[in-house]
Protein backbone atom coordinates (compact mmCIF):
# COMPACT_ATOMS: atom_id res chain seq x y z
CA UNK A 1 14.02 -84.66 199.23
CA UNK A 2 14.36 -82.61 202.45
CA UNK A 3 11.49 -83.36 204.84
CA UNK A 4 10.54 -81.85 208.16
CA UNK A 5 7.83 -82.98 210.60
CA UNK A 6 4.46 -81.25 210.49
CA UNK A 7 4.31 -78.25 212.77
CA UNK A 8 1.77 -77.83 215.55
CA UNK A 9 -0.03 -74.67 216.58
CA UNK A 10 0.32 -73.35 213.05
CA UNK A 11 0.00 -69.65 212.39
CA UNK A 12 -0.50 -67.79 209.14
CA UNK A 13 1.93 -67.31 206.29
CA UNK A 14 1.06 -64.91 203.50
CA UNK A 15 2.75 -65.35 200.13
CA UNK A 16 2.75 -62.34 197.81
CA UNK A 17 2.94 -63.48 194.19
CA UNK A 18 1.87 -66.64 192.40
CA UNK A 19 4.85 -67.29 190.16
CA UNK A 20 7.47 -70.04 190.37
CA UNK A 21 8.88 -68.89 193.72
CA UNK A 22 5.54 -67.99 195.28
CA UNK A 23 3.70 -71.16 194.33
CA UNK A 24 6.45 -73.45 195.56
CA UNK A 25 6.88 -71.38 198.74
CA UNK A 26 3.15 -71.58 199.45
CA UNK A 27 3.07 -75.32 198.85
CA UNK A 28 6.10 -76.00 201.03
CA UNK A 29 4.87 -73.84 203.92
CA UNK A 30 1.44 -75.49 203.79
CA UNK A 31 3.03 -78.93 203.58
CA UNK A 32 4.73 -78.19 206.90
CA UNK A 33 1.45 -77.25 208.54
CA UNK A 34 1.29 -73.48 208.20
CA UNK A 35 -1.98 -71.76 207.35
CA UNK A 36 -1.07 -70.30 203.95
CA UNK A 37 -2.77 -67.67 201.83
CA UNK A 38 -1.21 -66.88 198.46
CA UNK A 39 -2.12 -63.40 197.19
CA UNK A 40 -1.95 -63.09 193.40
CA UNK A 41 -2.69 -59.77 191.70
CA UNK A 42 -3.79 -61.42 188.42
CA UNK A 43 -6.92 -63.48 187.81
CA UNK A 44 -4.88 -66.70 188.07
CA UNK A 45 -1.39 -67.70 189.25
CA UNK A 46 1.47 -68.75 186.98
CA UNK A 47 0.86 -66.31 184.12
CA UNK A 48 4.56 -65.69 183.45
CA UNK A 49 5.41 -69.37 183.83
CA UNK A 50 2.99 -70.14 181.02
CA UNK A 51 5.01 -68.11 178.51
CA UNK A 52 8.52 -69.13 179.57
CA UNK A 53 10.51 -71.18 177.11
CA UNK A 54 8.02 -70.17 174.37
CA UNK A 55 5.28 -71.91 176.28
CA UNK A 56 7.35 -75.02 176.97
CA UNK A 57 8.77 -73.90 180.36
CA UNK A 58 12.53 -74.47 180.66
CA UNK A 59 12.48 -75.34 184.37
CA UNK A 60 16.17 -76.00 185.05
CA UNK A 61 19.51 -76.99 183.52
CA UNK A 62 21.77 -80.04 183.76
CA UNK A 63 24.92 -77.94 184.33
CA UNK A 64 27.13 -78.88 187.31
CA UNK A 65 26.69 -76.73 190.41
CA UNK A 66 29.84 -74.68 189.77
CA UNK A 67 28.70 -73.77 186.25
CA UNK A 68 25.18 -73.15 187.50
CA UNK A 69 26.35 -70.60 190.05
CA UNK A 70 28.71 -69.01 187.51
CA UNK A 71 25.74 -68.28 185.24
CA UNK A 72 24.61 -65.71 187.84
CA UNK A 73 27.96 -63.92 187.95
CA UNK A 74 29.40 -62.82 191.33
CA UNK A 75 25.97 -62.87 192.99
CA UNK A 76 25.69 -66.59 192.28
CA UNK A 77 27.50 -67.34 195.53
CA UNK A 78 24.38 -66.26 197.39
CA UNK A 79 22.49 -69.26 196.00
CA UNK A 80 24.83 -71.91 197.37
CA UNK A 81 22.79 -72.38 200.56
CA UNK A 82 19.44 -72.58 198.77
CA UNK A 83 20.81 -74.99 196.17
CA UNK A 84 22.24 -77.14 198.96
CA UNK A 85 18.73 -77.56 200.38
CA UNK A 86 16.71 -77.81 197.17
CA UNK A 87 18.35 -78.12 193.78
CA UNK A 88 17.77 -79.77 190.42
CA UNK A 89 17.39 -83.37 191.59
CA UNK A 90 14.83 -82.39 194.23
CA UNK A 91 12.96 -80.21 191.73
CA UNK A 92 12.75 -82.91 189.08
CA UNK A 93 11.64 -85.41 191.70
CA UNK A 94 8.97 -82.94 192.84
CA UNK A 95 7.53 -82.72 189.34
CA UNK A 96 7.93 -86.43 188.60
CA UNK A 97 5.86 -87.32 191.65
CA UNK A 98 3.15 -85.05 190.28
CA UNK A 99 3.11 -86.62 186.85
CA UNK A 100 5.37 -84.15 185.05
CA UNK A 101 8.16 -86.10 183.36
CA UNK A 102 11.07 -84.09 181.99
CA UNK A 103 13.76 -84.33 179.33
CA UNK A 104 16.98 -82.44 178.61
CA UNK A 105 17.83 -80.77 175.33
CA UNK A 106 20.73 -78.88 173.77
CA UNK A 107 22.60 -76.72 176.24
CA UNK A 108 21.37 -78.79 179.19
CA UNK A 109 17.92 -77.18 179.11
CA UNK A 110 15.29 -79.25 180.90
CA UNK A 111 11.64 -79.17 179.75
CA UNK A 112 8.49 -81.13 180.50
CA UNK A 113 8.19 -84.05 178.07
CA UNK A 114 4.76 -82.68 177.19
CA UNK A 115 6.34 -79.38 176.10
CA UNK A 116 3.43 -77.72 177.87
CA UNK A 117 4.11 -75.06 180.53
CA UNK A 118 0.56 -75.49 181.84
CA UNK A 119 1.58 -78.89 183.25
CA UNK A 120 4.21 -77.15 185.40
CA UNK A 121 1.74 -74.55 186.65
CA UNK A 122 -0.92 -77.17 187.38
CA UNK A 123 1.55 -79.27 189.38
CA UNK A 124 2.57 -76.27 191.50
CA UNK A 125 -1.02 -75.16 192.09
CA UNK A 126 -2.14 -78.70 192.95
CA UNK A 127 0.73 -79.12 195.41
CA UNK A 128 -0.21 -75.90 197.21
CA UNK A 129 -3.93 -76.65 197.33
CA UNK A 130 -3.63 -80.30 198.34
CA UNK A 131 -1.78 -79.17 201.46
CA UNK A 132 -4.42 -76.59 202.27
CA UNK A 133 -2.99 -73.37 200.86
CA UNK A 134 -5.61 -70.86 199.80
CA UNK A 135 -4.94 -69.06 196.50
CA UNK A 136 -6.64 -65.69 196.22
CA UNK A 137 -6.57 -64.18 192.72
CA UNK A 138 -7.17 -60.49 191.99
CA UNK A 139 -5.56 -59.60 195.32
CA UNK A 140 -3.00 -56.86 194.89
CA UNK A 141 -1.00 -56.01 198.01
CA UNK A 142 -0.67 -52.32 198.82
CA UNK A 143 1.73 -52.60 201.77
CA UNK A 144 3.40 -54.96 204.20
CA UNK A 145 2.50 -54.02 207.76
CA UNK A 146 5.12 -54.30 210.49
CA UNK A 147 5.88 -53.02 213.96
CA UNK A 148 9.02 -52.97 216.11
CA UNK A 149 8.82 -56.74 216.61
CA UNK A 150 8.35 -57.63 212.95
CA UNK A 151 5.58 -58.62 210.55
CA UNK A 152 1.93 -57.96 211.39
CA UNK A 153 0.34 -58.71 208.03
CA UNK A 154 -0.48 -57.02 204.73
CA UNK A 155 -2.98 -54.50 203.43
CA UNK A 156 -4.64 -55.07 200.07
CA UNK A 157 -5.61 -52.48 197.46
CA UNK A 158 -9.20 -53.17 198.46
CA UNK A 159 -8.40 -51.89 201.94
CA UNK A 160 -8.63 -55.32 203.56
CA UNK A 161 -6.02 -56.06 206.22
CA UNK A 162 -4.86 -59.67 206.55
CA UNK A 163 -2.89 -60.43 209.74
CA UNK A 164 -0.03 -62.91 209.61
CA UNK A 165 3.06 -64.05 211.49
CA UNK A 166 5.16 -64.32 208.34
CA UNK A 167 5.14 -62.88 204.83
CA UNK A 168 6.98 -64.25 201.80
CA UNK A 169 7.54 -61.59 199.15
CA UNK A 170 7.74 -63.36 195.78
CA UNK A 171 6.12 -60.80 193.52
CA UNK A 172 8.60 -61.21 190.65
CA UNK A 173 10.53 -58.56 188.74
CA UNK A 174 9.41 -55.82 186.38
CA UNK A 175 9.54 -57.67 183.07
CA UNK A 176 6.40 -58.84 181.25
CA UNK A 177 4.09 -56.62 183.36
CA UNK A 178 1.02 -58.03 181.59
CA UNK A 179 1.65 -61.29 183.44
CA UNK A 180 1.60 -59.56 186.83
CA UNK A 181 5.37 -59.13 187.08
CA UNK A 182 5.04 -55.36 187.22
CA UNK A 183 7.58 -54.30 189.84
CA UNK A 184 5.28 -54.41 192.88
CA UNK A 185 7.80 -56.51 194.79
CA UNK A 186 10.47 -53.84 194.59
CA UNK A 187 8.24 -51.07 195.95
CA UNK A 188 6.94 -53.33 198.73
CA UNK A 189 10.47 -54.34 199.73
CA UNK A 190 11.66 -50.74 199.64
CA UNK A 191 8.78 -49.57 201.83
CA UNK A 192 9.70 -52.34 204.27
CA UNK A 193 13.18 -50.84 204.54
CA UNK A 194 15.20 -52.82 201.99
CA UNK A 195 17.61 -51.29 199.51
CA UNK A 196 16.78 -51.84 195.84
CA UNK A 197 19.77 -51.99 193.55
CA UNK A 198 19.25 -50.33 190.13
CA UNK A 199 17.00 -52.31 187.79
CA UNK A 200 18.11 -53.25 184.29
CA UNK A 201 16.55 -55.30 181.52
CA UNK A 202 18.24 -58.67 181.05
CA UNK A 203 17.80 -61.19 178.23
CA UNK A 204 16.49 -58.49 175.91
CA UNK A 205 17.26 -57.40 172.30
CA UNK A 206 19.33 -54.32 171.49
CA UNK A 207 18.31 -51.24 169.50
CA UNK A 208 21.02 -49.94 167.12
CA UNK A 209 21.47 -46.49 165.63
CA UNK A 210 21.96 -47.86 162.11
CA UNK A 211 18.24 -48.51 161.77
CA UNK A 212 18.33 -48.63 157.95
CA UNK A 213 20.70 -51.60 158.05
CA UNK A 214 18.51 -53.35 160.62
CA UNK A 215 15.35 -52.89 158.56
CA UNK A 216 17.06 -54.07 155.37
CA UNK A 217 18.33 -57.22 157.11
CA UNK A 218 15.27 -57.90 159.27
CA UNK A 219 14.80 -61.60 159.85
CA UNK A 220 18.34 -62.63 158.89
CA UNK A 221 19.64 -65.24 161.33
CA UNK A 222 23.42 -65.57 161.56
CA UNK A 223 24.99 -68.76 162.89
CA UNK A 224 28.53 -69.41 164.09
CA UNK A 225 29.44 -65.74 164.34
CA UNK A 226 31.12 -63.80 167.14
CA UNK A 227 29.35 -60.81 168.67
CA UNK A 228 31.43 -58.46 170.83
CA UNK A 229 30.25 -55.40 172.75
CA UNK A 230 32.67 -52.52 173.29
CA UNK A 231 32.48 -49.62 175.73
CA UNK A 232 33.16 -46.97 173.10
CA UNK A 233 31.84 -45.38 169.93
CA UNK A 234 31.99 -47.36 166.72
CA UNK A 235 34.93 -45.37 165.39
CA UNK A 236 36.97 -46.21 168.50
CA UNK A 237 36.57 -50.00 168.44
CA UNK A 238 40.10 -51.41 168.84
CA UNK A 239 41.58 -53.53 166.06
CA UNK A 240 41.89 -56.73 168.06
CA UNK A 241 41.06 -60.38 167.48
CA UNK A 242 38.76 -61.97 170.08
CA UNK A 243 39.33 -65.71 170.43
CA UNK A 244 37.36 -66.50 173.60
CA UNK A 245 33.91 -65.85 174.99
CA UNK A 246 33.98 -63.21 177.71
CA UNK A 247 31.24 -62.67 180.24
CA UNK A 248 29.72 -64.45 183.20
CA UNK A 249 29.71 -68.19 183.04
CA UNK A 250 32.32 -68.33 180.26
CA UNK A 251 35.43 -68.97 182.33
CA UNK A 252 37.11 -65.92 180.76
CA UNK A 253 35.79 -63.22 183.04
CA UNK A 254 38.39 -60.48 182.45
CA UNK A 255 38.13 -59.25 178.86
CA UNK A 256 40.60 -57.10 176.89
CA UNK A 257 40.40 -53.29 177.27
CA UNK A 258 37.06 -51.78 176.14
CA UNK A 259 35.48 -55.22 175.67
CA UNK A 260 32.27 -55.60 177.69
CA UNK A 261 31.38 -59.14 176.63
CA UNK A 262 31.97 -61.41 173.65
CA UNK A 263 29.96 -64.47 172.63
CA UNK A 264 30.09 -67.05 169.83
CA UNK A 265 26.86 -68.48 168.45
CA UNK A 266 23.62 -67.34 166.85
CA UNK A 267 22.07 -63.89 166.51
CA UNK A 268 19.25 -62.29 164.58
CA UNK A 269 18.61 -58.95 162.87
CA UNK A 270 15.29 -57.33 163.79
CA UNK A 271 13.55 -54.22 162.45
CA UNK A 272 15.07 -52.19 165.28
CA UNK A 273 18.44 -53.86 165.83
CA UNK A 274 19.72 -57.23 166.92
CA UNK A 275 18.37 -60.13 168.95
CA UNK A 276 18.88 -63.87 169.15
CA UNK A 277 20.59 -66.05 171.78
CA UNK A 278 24.02 -64.43 172.12
CA UNK A 279 22.59 -60.91 171.98
CA UNK A 280 20.25 -61.73 174.85
CA UNK A 281 23.11 -63.16 176.91
CA UNK A 282 25.08 -59.93 176.54
CA UNK A 283 22.20 -57.53 177.02
CA UNK A 284 22.40 -57.11 180.80
CA UNK A 285 26.06 -56.12 180.66
CA UNK A 286 25.33 -53.78 177.74
CA UNK A 287 22.45 -52.15 179.62
CA UNK A 288 24.71 -51.38 182.58
CA UNK A 289 27.52 -50.12 180.31
CA UNK A 290 25.15 -47.71 178.54
CA UNK A 291 24.74 -45.85 181.82
CA UNK A 292 28.46 -45.07 181.75
CA UNK A 293 28.87 -44.10 178.09
CA UNK A 294 28.58 -45.17 174.45
CA UNK A 295 28.43 -48.85 173.52
CA UNK A 296 29.08 -50.43 170.13
CA UNK A 297 28.80 -53.99 168.89
CA UNK A 298 31.04 -55.73 166.40
CA UNK A 299 30.08 -58.85 164.44
CA UNK A 300 32.81 -61.15 163.21
CA UNK A 301 31.02 -62.91 160.36
CA UNK A 302 33.92 -65.31 159.77
CA UNK A 303 35.37 -66.12 163.21
CA UNK A 304 36.85 -69.43 162.03
CA UNK A 305 39.24 -67.54 159.75
CA UNK A 306 41.94 -65.05 160.72
CA UNK A 307 42.16 -61.87 158.66
CA UNK A 308 45.16 -63.35 156.87
CA UNK A 309 43.30 -66.58 156.10
CA UNK A 310 40.21 -64.72 154.88
CA UNK A 311 42.36 -62.52 152.64
CA UNK A 312 44.00 -65.62 151.17
CA UNK A 313 40.56 -67.14 150.50
CA UNK A 314 39.47 -64.00 148.67
CA UNK A 315 42.61 -64.01 146.57
CA UNK A 316 41.95 -67.62 145.52
CA UNK A 317 38.35 -66.88 144.61
CA UNK A 318 39.28 -63.72 142.73
CA UNK A 319 41.81 -65.68 140.70
CA UNK A 320 39.25 -68.38 139.92
CA UNK A 321 36.43 -65.94 139.07
CA UNK A 322 38.05 -62.69 137.89
CA UNK A 323 34.87 -61.29 136.29
CA UNK A 324 32.74 -61.47 139.44
CA UNK A 325 31.54 -58.11 140.70
CA UNK A 326 31.17 -57.15 144.36
CA UNK A 327 27.56 -58.41 144.88
CA UNK A 328 28.44 -61.81 143.39
CA UNK A 329 31.55 -61.98 145.59
CA UNK A 330 29.48 -61.26 148.70
CA UNK A 331 26.88 -63.90 147.79
CA UNK A 332 29.54 -66.51 148.42
CA UNK A 333 30.09 -65.10 151.92
CA UNK A 334 26.78 -63.77 153.24
CA UNK A 335 23.03 -64.48 153.36
CA UNK A 336 21.33 -63.03 150.27
CA UNK A 337 19.40 -60.40 152.21
CA UNK A 338 22.65 -58.89 153.52
CA UNK A 339 24.46 -58.68 150.18
CA UNK A 340 23.12 -55.38 148.89
CA UNK A 341 23.31 -53.51 152.19
CA UNK A 342 26.83 -54.73 153.02
CA UNK A 343 27.99 -53.89 149.50
CA UNK A 344 26.57 -50.42 149.98
CA UNK A 345 28.56 -49.70 153.13
CA UNK A 346 31.78 -51.30 151.90
CA UNK A 347 32.92 -48.22 149.99
CA UNK A 348 33.87 -50.46 147.03
CA UNK A 349 32.15 -49.68 143.68
CA UNK A 350 29.46 -52.29 142.99
CA UNK A 351 30.64 -52.87 139.43
CA UNK A 352 34.27 -53.46 140.29
CA UNK A 353 35.32 -56.94 139.19
CA UNK A 354 37.50 -59.27 141.20
CA UNK A 355 40.33 -58.80 138.70
CA UNK A 356 40.34 -55.07 139.44
CA UNK A 357 40.24 -55.30 143.23
CA UNK A 358 43.23 -53.60 144.79
CA UNK A 359 45.01 -54.84 147.89
CA UNK A 360 43.32 -51.95 149.71
CA UNK A 361 39.88 -53.04 148.48
CA UNK A 362 40.55 -56.56 149.70
CA UNK A 363 41.79 -55.28 153.05
CA UNK A 364 38.65 -53.14 153.48
CA UNK A 365 36.40 -56.09 152.64
CA UNK A 366 38.20 -58.34 155.11
CA UNK A 367 37.90 -55.68 157.80
CA UNK A 368 34.17 -55.37 157.16
CA UNK A 369 33.53 -59.12 157.23
CA UNK A 370 35.59 -59.51 160.40
CA UNK A 371 34.12 -56.47 162.10
CA UNK A 372 30.65 -55.34 160.98
CA UNK A 373 30.03 -52.64 163.57
CA UNK A 374 27.00 -50.79 164.94
CA UNK A 375 26.37 -48.32 167.73
CA UNK A 376 23.85 -49.33 170.38
CA UNK A 377 21.13 -46.80 171.06
CA UNK A 378 19.50 -48.73 173.91
CA UNK A 379 18.06 -52.03 174.94
CA UNK A 380 14.36 -52.63 174.56
CA UNK A 381 12.58 -51.44 177.72
CA UNK A 382 12.46 -53.41 180.95
CA UNK A 383 8.90 -54.48 180.30
CA UNK A 384 10.08 -56.35 177.17
CA UNK A 385 12.90 -58.20 178.96
CA UNK A 386 12.70 -61.86 179.92
CA UNK A 387 14.32 -61.15 183.29
CA UNK A 388 14.89 -58.18 185.58
CA UNK A 389 18.47 -57.56 186.67
CA UNK A 390 18.98 -55.73 189.96
CA UNK A 391 16.60 -55.84 192.90
CA UNK A 392 16.73 -56.35 196.66
CA UNK A 393 20.29 -56.10 198.00
CA UNK A 394 21.45 -59.62 198.84
CA UNK A 395 23.51 -58.52 201.83
CA UNK A 396 20.19 -57.81 203.57
CA UNK A 397 18.93 -61.39 203.12
CA UNK A 398 19.98 -64.55 205.00
CA UNK A 399 21.01 -66.95 202.19
CA UNK A 400 20.21 -70.01 204.32
CA UNK A 401 16.56 -69.07 204.96
CA UNK A 402 15.74 -66.17 202.59
CA UNK A 403 14.78 -64.22 205.72
CA UNK A 404 15.07 -60.47 205.80
CA UNK A 405 17.85 -59.32 208.12
CA UNK A 406 15.91 -56.11 208.65
CA UNK A 407 12.32 -57.23 209.27
CA UNK A 408 11.62 -60.32 211.44
CA UNK A 409 9.05 -62.55 209.78
CA UNK A 410 9.67 -61.26 206.24
CA UNK A 411 11.12 -63.59 203.59
CA UNK A 412 12.02 -62.82 200.00
CA UNK A 413 12.30 -65.20 197.05
CA UNK A 414 12.57 -65.27 193.27
CA UNK A 415 13.15 -62.43 190.85
CA UNK A 416 12.63 -59.69 193.45
CA UNK A 417 16.16 -60.53 194.65
CA UNK A 418 19.23 -59.10 192.90
CA UNK A 419 19.83 -62.34 191.01
CA UNK A 420 19.69 -62.93 187.27
CA UNK A 421 21.37 -65.46 185.01
CA UNK A 422 21.80 -66.51 181.41
CA UNK A 423 19.04 -68.29 179.53
CA UNK A 424 18.73 -72.02 179.93
CA UNK A 425 16.60 -72.66 183.01
CA UNK A 426 18.95 -71.06 185.53
CA UNK A 427 16.59 -68.27 186.57
CA UNK A 428 13.64 -70.58 187.15
CA UNK A 429 15.75 -72.97 189.23
CA UNK A 430 16.78 -70.02 191.41
CA UNK A 431 13.13 -69.04 191.82
CA UNK A 432 12.12 -72.59 192.74
CA UNK A 433 15.01 -73.05 195.17
CA UNK A 434 14.62 -69.72 196.97
CA UNK A 435 10.85 -70.22 197.10
CA UNK A 436 11.20 -73.67 198.66
CA UNK A 437 13.68 -72.45 201.27
CA UNK A 438 11.58 -69.38 202.09
CA UNK A 439 8.44 -71.48 202.49
CA UNK A 440 10.20 -73.90 204.80
CA UNK A 441 11.71 -71.14 206.96
CA UNK A 442 8.52 -69.10 207.08
CA UNK A 443 6.54 -72.13 208.26
CA UNK A 444 8.90 -72.49 211.19
CA UNK A 445 8.59 -68.78 212.03
CA UNK A 446 4.82 -68.92 211.83
CA UNK A 447 4.71 -71.79 214.35
CA UNK A 448 5.73 -69.31 217.04
CA UNK A 449 3.12 -66.76 218.10
CA UNK A 450 4.91 -63.43 218.57
CA UNK A 451 1.78 -61.31 218.68
């Protein structure tokens, strides 16, 4: 654990936002002797933390550093400095010393052994308070006040002005606004002079145009399938075989023409479209692609078989069961709830028996099973996303301290920054790491009176 001596002549640090980044920043700054006030717009801090990981709080991941950074795409390089100062081992030690034991699960996800996110929030709040940080709920910040020399303080919605030598902006993104993550951080940063890169929903389900199919298959979970997103209309999807995952963190970053991303794993049909793990992973890239033009998705229901191998399997089954009609044939290949709707879009008469299938019928069925396609209408809105993509331009932030390069005394941490990653604890680790570094740096700034 990185430790610094207590500071003397401490001045005031204000932390805007009581999420993962803000709570750890407040605790660290107070630990180093700063007078800290955390301003939380909700009635209590940690609201969003309480619902992460379905209430279990996936705090980090066991992935090696290189893979960890890759999960953030090109912007992951920015985190190298913060992770060098405070990474997974330091985080787990922090929680362990406060009675929160952890365990890793599939995919390297790390959770509290208690499976209770409240234990994480309580540890963060206790750490901040035991070092003297004041947590003020129901305190929404209207503006960050500055002059030519830097930070002067903040003004609250109530009209109260609170002077300070340093401000840490950790107000979160714009997803789950009911938890307090309502986009305030972006407007505050922009008013302070920072550029805000376009915001997109990330880790969010997709809405498809073929709503009737979605409704008919609502609740169907598909395992071991390949989902691929294409930058084109459904009719223009190229006839290609995808053998690798494409997208950030996959190791195969440059996909074939028109392919946006491709993932192997589990997905889910909803009443409006598609969700599930691999859909969420692809959603940020799809959201950005929709700004440029049409997007379609293509589900390979049998990725373990080539088209030739699947055709040979059908021929064997047709020979063994020549009287089977199309619905019975599909029951051997698909979940029951999908049989009727897939049969309906196949173009093959429902009563046609296996013995009467033509080579063309078989080819059409193979094509459908290897490429069930839909056109994407949109993602769900930003407020329904797990994470906000986009945010404060990283070139304007010092990656070693999280200090603003534009406003002396201003620090930024967490989801307000243009950083977002795949599911699995990566985003929370980034929030914790940037919060820790910002708190440490702000405490040092606040020890110098520049008034």
